[in-house]
Amino acid sequence: EGRQELRHDAVAVPLHATPMRLLAYLLKHRDR
């Protein structure tokens, strides 16, 4: 979340800023 970075097996996965924000939101609110 701090680096706004998605990694797969420790390798950064390219993802634009908007999908990254969406993924962050869904992860933080995964309980609902």
ModelCIF file with pLDDT and N, C-alpha, C, O atoms, coordinates in Angstrom:
data_MODEL
#
_entry.id   MODEL 
#
_entity.id                         1 
_entity.type                       polymer 
_entity.pdbx_number_of_molecules   1 
#
_entity_poly.entity_id                      1 
_entity_poly.type                           'polypeptide(L)' 
_entity_poly.nstd_linkage                   no 
_entity_poly.nstd_monomer                   no 
_entity_poly.pdbx_seq_one_letter_code       EGRQELRHDAVAVPLHATPMRLLAYLLKHRDR 
_entity_poly.pdbx_seq_one_letter_code_can   EGRQELRHDAVAVPLHATPMRLLAYLLKHRDR 
_entity_poly.pdbx_strand_id                 A 
#
loop_
_entity_poly_seq.entity_id 
_entity_poly_seq.num 
_entity_poly_seq.mon_id 
_entity_poly_seq.hetero 
1 1  GLU n 
1 2  GLY n 
1 3  ARG n 
1 4  GLN n 
1 5  GLU n 
1 6  LEU n 
1 7  ARG n 
1 8  HIS n 
1 9  ASP n 
1 10 ALA n 
1 11 VAL n 
1 12 ALA n 
1 13 VAL n 
1 14 PRO n 
1 15 LEU n 
1 16 HIS n 
1 17 ALA n 
1 18 THR n 
1 19 PRO n 
1 20 MET n 
1 21 ARG n 
1 22 LEU n 
1 23 LEU n 
1 24 ALA n 
1 25 TYR n 
1 26 LEU n 
1 27 LEU n 
1 28 LYS n 
1 29 HIS n 
1 30 ARG n 
1 31 ASP n 
1 32 ARG n 
#
_struct_asym.id          A 
_struct_asym.entity_id   1 
#
loop_
_ma_qa_metric.id 
_ma_qa_metric.mode 
_ma_qa_metric.name 
_ma_qa_metric.software_group_id 
_ma_qa_metric.type 
1 global pLDDT . pLDDT 
2 local  pLDDT . pLDDT 
#
_ma_qa_metric_global.metric_id      1 
_ma_qa_metric_global.metric_value   95.22 
_ma_qa_metric_global.model_id       1 
_ma_qa_metric_global.ordinal_id     1 
#
loop_
_ma_qa_metric_local.label_asym_id 
_ma_qa_metric_local.label_comp_id 
_ma_qa_metric_local.label_seq_id 
_ma_qa_metric_local.metric_id 
_ma_qa_metric_local.metric_value 
_ma_qa_metric_local.model_id 
_ma_qa_metric_local.ordinal_id 
A GLU 1  2 92.00 1 1  
A GLY 2  2 91.00 1 2  
A ARG 3  2 92.00 1 3  
A GLN 4  2 93.00 1 4  
A GLU 5  2 96.00 1 5  
A LEU 6  2 97.00 1 6  
A ARG 7  2 97.00 1 7  
A HIS 8  2 97.00 1 8  
A ASP 9  2 96.00 1 9  
A ALA 10 2 94.00 1 10 
A VAL 11 2 96.00 1 11 
A ALA 12 2 96.00 1 12 
A VAL 13 2 96.00 1 13 
A PRO 14 2 94.00 1 14 
A LEU 15 2 95.00 1 15 
A HIS 16 2 95.00 1 16 
A ALA 17 2 94.00 1 17 
A THR 18 2 94.00 1 18 
A PRO 19 2 96.00 1 19 
A MET 20 2 96.00 1 20 
A ARG 21 2 95.00 1 21 
A LEU 22 2 96.00 1 22 
A LEU 23 2 97.00 1 23 
A ALA 24 2 96.00 1 24 
A TYR 25 2 97.00 1 25 
A LEU 26 2 97.00 1 26 
A LEU 27 2 97.00 1 27 
A LYS 28 2 95.00 1 28 
A HIS 29 2 96.00 1 29 
A ARG 30 2 95.00 1 30 
A ASP 31 2 94.00 1 31 
A ARG 32 2 95.00 1 32 
#
loop_
_atom_site.group_PDB 
_atom_site.id 
_atom_site.type_symbol 
_atom_site.label_atom_id 
_atom_site.label_alt_id 
_atom_site.label_comp_id 
_atom_site.label_asym_id 
_atom_site.label_entity_id 
_atom_site.label_seq_id 
_atom_site.pdbx_PDB_ins_code 
_atom_site.Cartn_x 
_atom_site.Cartn_y 
_atom_site.Cartn_z 
_atom_site.occupancy 
_atom_site.B_iso_or_equiv 
_atom_site.pdbx_formal_charge 
_atom_site.auth_seq_id 
_atom_site.auth_comp_id 
_atom_site.auth_asym_id 
_atom_site.auth_atom_id 
_atom_site.pdbx_PDB_model_num 
ATOM 1   N N  . GLU A 1 1  ? 0.818   -1.213  0.000   1.00 92.00 ? 1  GLU A N  1 
ATOM 2   C CA . GLU A 1 1  ? 0.000   0.000   0.000   1.00 92.00 ? 1  GLU A CA 1 
ATOM 3   C C  . GLU A 1 1  ? 0.854   1.266   0.000   1.00 92.00 ? 1  GLU A C  1 
ATOM 4   O O  . GLU A 1 1  ? 0.526   2.230   -0.691  1.00 92.00 ? 1  GLU A O  1 
ATOM 5   N N  . GLY A 1 2  ? 1.929   1.276   0.754   1.00 91.00 ? 2  GLY A N  1 
ATOM 6   C CA . GLY A 1 2  ? 2.786   2.454   0.834   1.00 91.00 ? 2  GLY A CA 1 
ATOM 7   C C  . GLY A 1 2  ? 3.477   2.767   -0.480  1.00 91.00 ? 2  GLY A C  1 
ATOM 8   O O  . GLY A 1 2  ? 3.575   3.929   -0.874  1.00 91.00 ? 2  GLY A O  1 
ATOM 9   N N  . ARG A 1 3  ? 3.949   1.747   -1.151  1.00 92.00 ? 3  ARG A N  1 
ATOM 10  C CA . ARG A 1 3  ? 4.637   1.926   -2.431  1.00 92.00 ? 3  ARG A CA 1 
ATOM 11  C C  . ARG A 1 3  ? 3.676   1.909   -3.615  1.00 92.00 ? 3  ARG A C  1 
ATOM 12  O O  . ARG A 1 3  ? 4.063   2.208   -4.745  1.00 92.00 ? 3  ARG A O  1 
ATOM 13  N N  . GLN A 1 4  ? 2.412   1.555   -3.344  1.00 93.00 ? 4  GLN A N  1 
ATOM 14  C CA . GLN A 1 4  ? 1.429   1.391   -4.413  1.00 93.00 ? 4  GLN A CA 1 
ATOM 15  C C  . GLN A 1 4  ? 2.010   0.476   -5.490  1.00 93.00 ? 4  GLN A C  1 
ATOM 16  O O  . GLN A 1 4  ? 2.107   0.831   -6.665  1.00 93.00 ? 4  GLN A O  1 
ATOM 17  N N  . GLU A 1 5  ? 2.397   -0.730  -5.028  1.00 96.00 ? 5  GLU A N  1 
ATOM 18  C CA . GLU A 1 5  ? 3.041   -1.677  -5.919  1.00 96.00 ? 5  GLU A CA 1 
ATOM 19  C C  . GLU A 1 5  ? 2.448   -3.071  -5.723  1.00 96.00 ? 5  GLU A C  1 
ATOM 20  O O  . GLU A 1 5  ? 2.263   -3.535  -4.598  1.00 96.00 ? 5  GLU A O  1 
ATOM 21  N N  . LEU A 1 6  ? 2.159   -3.716  -6.830  1.00 97.00 ? 6  LEU A N  1 
ATOM 22  C CA . LEU A 1 6  ? 1.716   -5.103  -6.844  1.00 97.00 ? 6  LEU A CA 1 
ATOM 23  C C  . LEU A 1 6  ? 2.903   -5.947  -7.264  1.00 97.00 ? 6  LEU A C  1 
ATOM 24  O O  . LEU A 1 6  ? 3.569   -5.646  -8.254  1.00 97.00 ? 6  LEU A O  1 
ATOM 25  N N  . ARG A 1 7  ? 3.170   -7.016  -6.501  1.00 97.00 ? 7  ARG A N  1 
ATOM 26  C CA . ARG A 1 7  ? 4.276   -7.909  -6.834  1.00 97.00 ? 7  ARG A CA 1 
ATOM 27  C C  . ARG A 1 7  ? 3.763   -9.340  -6.946  1.00 97.00 ? 7  ARG A C  1 
ATOM 28  O O  . ARG A 1 7  ? 2.868   -9.758  -6.212  1.00 97.00 ? 7  ARG A O  1 
ATOM 29  N N  . HIS A 1 8  ? 4.349   -10.075 -7.875  1.00 97.00 ? 8  HIS A N  1 
ATOM 30  C CA . HIS A 1 8  ? 4.065   -11.505 -8.032  1.00 97.00 ? 8  HIS A CA 1 
ATOM 31  C C  . HIS A 1 8  ? 5.396   -12.221 -7.883  1.00 97.00 ? 8  HIS A C  1 
ATOM 32  O O  . HIS A 1 8  ? 6.326   -11.985 -8.655  1.00 97.00 ? 8  HIS A O  1 
ATOM 33  N N  . ASP A 1 9  ? 5.484   -13.095 -6.890  1.00 96.00 ? 9  ASP A N  1 
ATOM 34  C CA . ASP A 1 9  ? 6.761   -13.762 -6.589  1.00 96.00 ? 9  ASP A CA 1 
ATOM 35  C C  . ASP A 1 9  ? 7.894   -12.745 -6.496  1.00 96.00 ? 9  ASP A C  1 
ATOM 36  O O  . ASP A 1 9  ? 8.972   -12.960 -7.049  1.00 96.00 ? 9  ASP A O  1 
ATOM 37  N N  . ALA A 1 10 ? 7.652   -11.648 -5.802  1.00 94.00 ? 10 ALA A N  1 
ATOM 38  C CA . ALA A 1 10 ? 8.615   -10.577 -5.514  1.00 94.00 ? 10 ALA A CA 1 
ATOM 39  C C  . ALA A 1 10 ? 8.992   -9.728  -6.736  1.00 94.00 ? 10 ALA A C  1 
ATOM 40  O O  . ALA A 1 10 ? 9.890   -8.891  -6.643  1.00 94.00 ? 10 ALA A O  1 
ATOM 41  N N  . VAL A 1 11 ? 8.334   -9.926  -7.859  1.00 96.00 ? 11 VAL A N  1 
ATOM 42  C CA . VAL A 1 11 ? 8.601   -9.142  -9.066  1.00 96.00 ? 11 VAL A CA 1 
ATOM 43  C C  . VAL A 1 11 ? 7.431   -8.178  -9.287  1.00 96.00 ? 11 VAL A C  1 
ATOM 44  O O  . VAL A 1 11 ? 6.271   -8.590  -9.269  1.00 96.00 ? 11 VAL A O  1 
ATOM 45  N N  . ALA A 1 12 ? 7.738   -6.907  -9.493  1.00 96.00 ? 12 ALA A N  1 
ATOM 46  C CA . ALA A 1 12 ? 6.687   -5.898  -9.693  1.00 96.00 ? 12 ALA A CA 1 
ATOM 47  C C  . ALA A 1 12 ? 5.850   -6.221  -10.929 1.00 96.00 ? 12 ALA A C  1 
ATOM 48  O O  . ALA A 1 12 ? 6.370   -6.569  -11.989 1.00 96.00 ? 12 ALA A O  1 
ATOM 49  N N  . VAL A 1 13 ? 4.541   -6.091  -10.752 1.00 96.00 ? 13 VAL A N  1 
ATOM 50  C CA . VAL A 1 13 ? 3.587   -6.313  -11.842 1.00 96.00 ? 13 VAL A CA 1 
ATOM 51  C C  . VAL A 1 13 ? 3.093   -4.947  -12.300 1.00 96.00 ? 13 VAL A C  1 
ATOM 52  O O  . VAL A 1 13 ? 2.569   -4.177  -11.494 1.00 96.00 ? 13 VAL A O  1 
ATOM 53  N N  . PRO A 1 14 ? 3.255   -4.635  -13.594 1.00 94.00 ? 14 PRO A N  1 
ATOM 54  C CA . PRO A 1 14 ? 2.807   -3.319  -14.061 1.00 94.00 ? 14 PRO A CA 1 
ATOM 55  C C  . PRO A 1 14 ? 1.286   -3.187  -13.973 1.00 94.00 ? 14 PRO A C  1 
ATOM 56  O O  . PRO A 1 14 ? 0.542   -4.044  -14.451 1.00 94.00 ? 14 PRO A O  1 
ATOM 57  N N  . LEU A 1 15 ? 0.851   -2.102  -13.356 1.00 95.00 ? 15 LEU A N  1 
ATOM 58  C CA . LEU A 1 15 ? -0.573  -1.823  -13.225 1.00 95.00 ? 15 LEU A CA 1 
ATOM 59  C C  . LEU A 1 15 ? -0.715  -0.310  -13.109 1.00 95.00 ? 15 LEU A C  1 
ATOM 60  O O  . LEU A 1 15 ? -0.037  0.318   -12.297 1.00 95.00 ? 15 LEU A O  1 
ATOM 61  N N  . HIS A 1 16 ? -1.588  0.271   -13.911 1.00 95.00 ? 16 HIS A N  1 
ATOM 62  C CA . HIS A 1 16 ? -1.791  1.719   -13.897 1.00 95.00 ? 16 HIS A CA 1 
ATOM 63  C C  . HIS A 1 16 ? -2.350  2.174   -12.551 1.00 95.00 ? 16 HIS A C  1 
ATOM 64  O O  . HIS A 1 16 ? -2.840  1.366   -11.762 1.00 95.00 ? 16 HIS A O  1 
ATOM 65  N N  . ALA A 1 17 ? -2.270  3.455   -12.308 1.00 94.00 ? 17 ALA A N  1 
ATOM 66  C CA . ALA A 1 17 ? -2.639  4.050   -11.017 1.00 94.00 ? 17 ALA A CA 1 
ATOM 67  C C  . ALA A 1 17 ? -4.092  3.789   -10.625 1.00 94.00 ? 17 ALA A C  1 
ATOM 68  O O  . ALA A 1 17 ? -4.364  3.456   -9.472  1.00 94.00 ? 17 ALA A O  1 
ATOM 69  N N  . THR A 1 18 ? -5.023  3.934   -11.557 1.00 94.00 ? 18 THR A N  1 
ATOM 70  C CA . THR A 1 18 ? -6.433  3.765   -11.202 1.00 94.00 ? 18 THR A CA 1 
ATOM 71  C C  . THR A 1 18 ? -6.761  2.327   -10.807 1.00 94.00 ? 18 THR A C  1 
ATOM 72  O O  . THR A 1 18 ? -7.382  2.128   -9.763  1.00 94.00 ? 18 THR A O  1 
ATOM 73  N N  . PRO A 1 19 ? -6.379  1.320   -11.582 1.00 96.00 ? 19 PRO A N  1 
ATOM 74  C CA . PRO A 1 19 ? -6.611  -0.050  -11.117 1.00 96.00 ? 19 PRO A CA 1 
ATOM 75  C C  . PRO A 1 19 ? -5.902  -0.334  -9.785  1.00 96.00 ? 19 PRO A C  1 
ATOM 76  O O  . PRO A 1 19 ? -6.406  -1.102  -8.965  1.00 96.00 ? 19 PRO A O  1 
ATOM 77  N N  . MET A 1 20 ? -4.735  0.286   -9.572  1.00 96.00 ? 20 MET A N  1 
ATOM 78  C CA . MET A 1 20 ? -4.006  0.110   -8.315  1.00 96.00 ? 20 MET A CA 1 
ATOM 79  C C  . MET A 1 20 ? -4.826  0.662   -7.143  1.00 96.00 ? 20 MET A C  1 
ATOM 80  O O  . MET A 1 20 ? -4.903  0.029   -6.090  1.00 96.00 ? 20 MET A O  1 
ATOM 81  N N  . ARG A 1 21 ? -5.436  1.834   -7.321  1.00 95.00 ? 21 ARG A N  1 
ATOM 82  C CA . ARG A 1 21 ? -6.288  2.411   -6.264  1.00 95.00 ? 21 ARG A CA 1 
ATOM 83  C C  . ARG A 1 21 ? -7.511  1.534   -6.014  1.00 95.00 ? 21 ARG A C  1 
ATOM 84  O O  . ARG A 1 21 ? -7.931  1.350   -4.871  1.00 95.00 ? 21 ARG A O  1 
ATOM 85  N N  . LEU A 1 22 ? -8.076  0.996   -7.088  1.00 96.00 ? 22 LEU A N  1 
ATOM 86  C CA . LEU A 1 22 ? -9.238  0.116   -6.954  1.00 96.00 ? 22 LEU A CA 1 
ATOM 87  C C  . LEU A 1 22 ? -8.853  -1.158  -6.203  1.00 96.00 ? 22 LEU A C  1 
ATOM 88  O O  . LEU A 1 22 ? -9.584  -1.590  -5.311  1.00 96.00 ? 22 LEU A O  1 
ATOM 89  N N  . LEU A 1 23 ? -7.733  -1.755  -6.547  1.00 97.00 ? 23 LEU A N  1 
ATOM 90  C CA . LEU A 1 23 ? -7.274  -2.948  -5.846  1.00 97.00 ? 23 LEU A CA 1 
ATOM 91  C C  . LEU A 1 23 ? -7.039  -2.648  -4.367  1.00 97.00 ? 23 LEU A C  1 
ATOM 92  O O  . LEU A 1 23 ? -7.430  -3.434  -3.504  1.00 97.00 ? 23 LEU A O  1 
ATOM 93  N N  . ALA A 1 24 ? -6.411  -1.529  -4.075  1.00 96.00 ? 24 ALA A N  1 
ATOM 94  C CA . ALA A 1 24 ? -6.170  -1.135  -2.683  1.00 96.00 ? 24 ALA A CA 1 
ATOM 95  C C  . ALA A 1 24 ? -7.490  -1.013  -1.924  1.00 96.00 ? 24 ALA A C  1 
ATOM 96  O O  . ALA A 1 24 ? -7.607  -1.499  -0.799  1.00 96.00 ? 24 ALA A O  1 
ATOM 97  N N  . TYR A 1 25 ? -8.472  -0.369  -2.531  1.00 97.00 ? 25 TYR A N  1 
ATOM 98  C CA . TYR A 1 25 ? -9.765  -0.191  -1.870  1.00 97.00 ? 25 TYR A CA 1 
ATOM 99  C C  . TYR A 1 25 ? -10.435 -1.538  -1.602  1.00 97.00 ? 25 TYR A C  1 
ATOM 100 O O  . TYR A 1 25 ? -10.949 -1.775  -0.508  1.00 97.00 ? 25 TYR A O  1 
ATOM 101 N N  . LEU A 1 26 ? -10.427 -2.409  -2.595  1.00 97.00 ? 26 LEU A N  1 
ATOM 102 C CA . LEU A 1 26 ? -11.059 -3.722  -2.420  1.00 97.00 ? 26 LEU A CA 1 
ATOM 103 C C  . LEU A 1 26 ? -10.340 -4.547  -1.359  1.00 97.00 ? 26 LEU A C  1 
ATOM 104 O O  . LEU A 1 26 ? -10.989 -5.241  -0.576  1.00 97.00 ? 26 LEU A O  1 
ATOM 105 N N  . LEU A 1 27 ? -9.023  -4.485  -1.320  1.00 97.00 ? 27 LEU A N  1 
ATOM 106 C CA . LEU A 1 27 ? -8.277  -5.223  -0.296  1.00 97.00 ? 27 LEU A CA 1 
ATOM 107 C C  . LEU A 1 27 ? -8.581  -4.697  1.105   1.00 97.00 ? 27 LEU A C  1 
ATOM 108 O O  . LEU A 1 27 ? -8.774  -5.475  2.039   1.00 97.00 ? 27 LEU A O  1 
ATOM 109 N N  . LYS A 1 28 ? -8.624  -3.382  1.244   1.00 95.00 ? 28 LYS A N  1 
ATOM 110 C CA . LYS A 1 28 ? -8.884  -2.783  2.560   1.00 95.00 ? 28 LYS A CA 1 
ATOM 111 C C  . LYS A 1 28 ? -10.312 -3.029  3.039   1.00 95.00 ? 28 LYS A C  1 
ATOM 112 O O  . LYS A 1 28 ? -10.576 -2.995  4.241   1.00 95.00 ? 28 LYS A O  1 
ATOM 113 N N  . HIS A 1 29 ? -11.238 -3.278  2.107   1.00 96.00 ? 29 HIS A N  1 
ATOM 114 C CA . HIS A 1 29 ? -12.640 -3.483  2.462   1.00 96.00 ? 29 HIS A CA 1 
ATOM 115 C C  . HIS A 1 29 ? -13.097 -4.901  2.104   1.00 96.00 ? 29 HIS A C  1 
ATOM 116 O O  . HIS A 1 29 ? -14.262 -5.121  1.775   1.00 96.00 ? 29 HIS A O  1 
ATOM 117 N N  . ARG A 1 30 ? -12.182 -5.842  2.171   1.00 95.00 ? 30 ARG A N  1 
ATOM 118 C CA . ARG A 1 30 ? -12.462 -7.215  1.739   1.00 95.00 ? 30 ARG A CA 1 
ATOM 119 C C  . ARG A 1 30 ? -13.468 -7.940  2.630   1.00 95.00 ? 30 ARG A C  1 
ATOM 120 O O  . ARG A 1 30 ? -13.968 -9.003  2.264   1.00 95.00 ? 30 ARG A O  1 
ATOM 121 N N  . ASP A 1 31 ? -13.759 -7.379  3.777   1.00 94.00 ? 31 ASP A N  1 
ATOM 122 C CA . ASP A 1 31 ? -14.713 -7.999  4.695   1.00 94.00 ? 31 ASP A CA 1 
ATOM 123 C C  . ASP A 1 31 ? -16.170 -7.778  4.281   1.00 94.00 ? 31 ASP A C  1 
ATOM 124 O O  . ASP A 1 31 ? -17.085 -8.270  4.942   1.00 94.00 ? 31 ASP A O  1 
ATOM 125 N N  . ARG A 1 32 ? -16.384 -7.047  3.198   1.00 95.00 ? 32 ARG A N  1 
ATOM 126 C CA . ARG A 1 32 ? -17.764 -6.761  2.775   1.00 95.00 ? 32 ARG A CA 1 
ATOM 127 C C  . ARG A 1 32 ? -17.844 -6.576  1.270   1.00 95.00 ? 32 ARG A C  1 
ATOM 128 O O  . ARG A 1 32 ? -18.924 -6.329  0.735   1.00 95.00 ? 32 ARG A O  1 
#
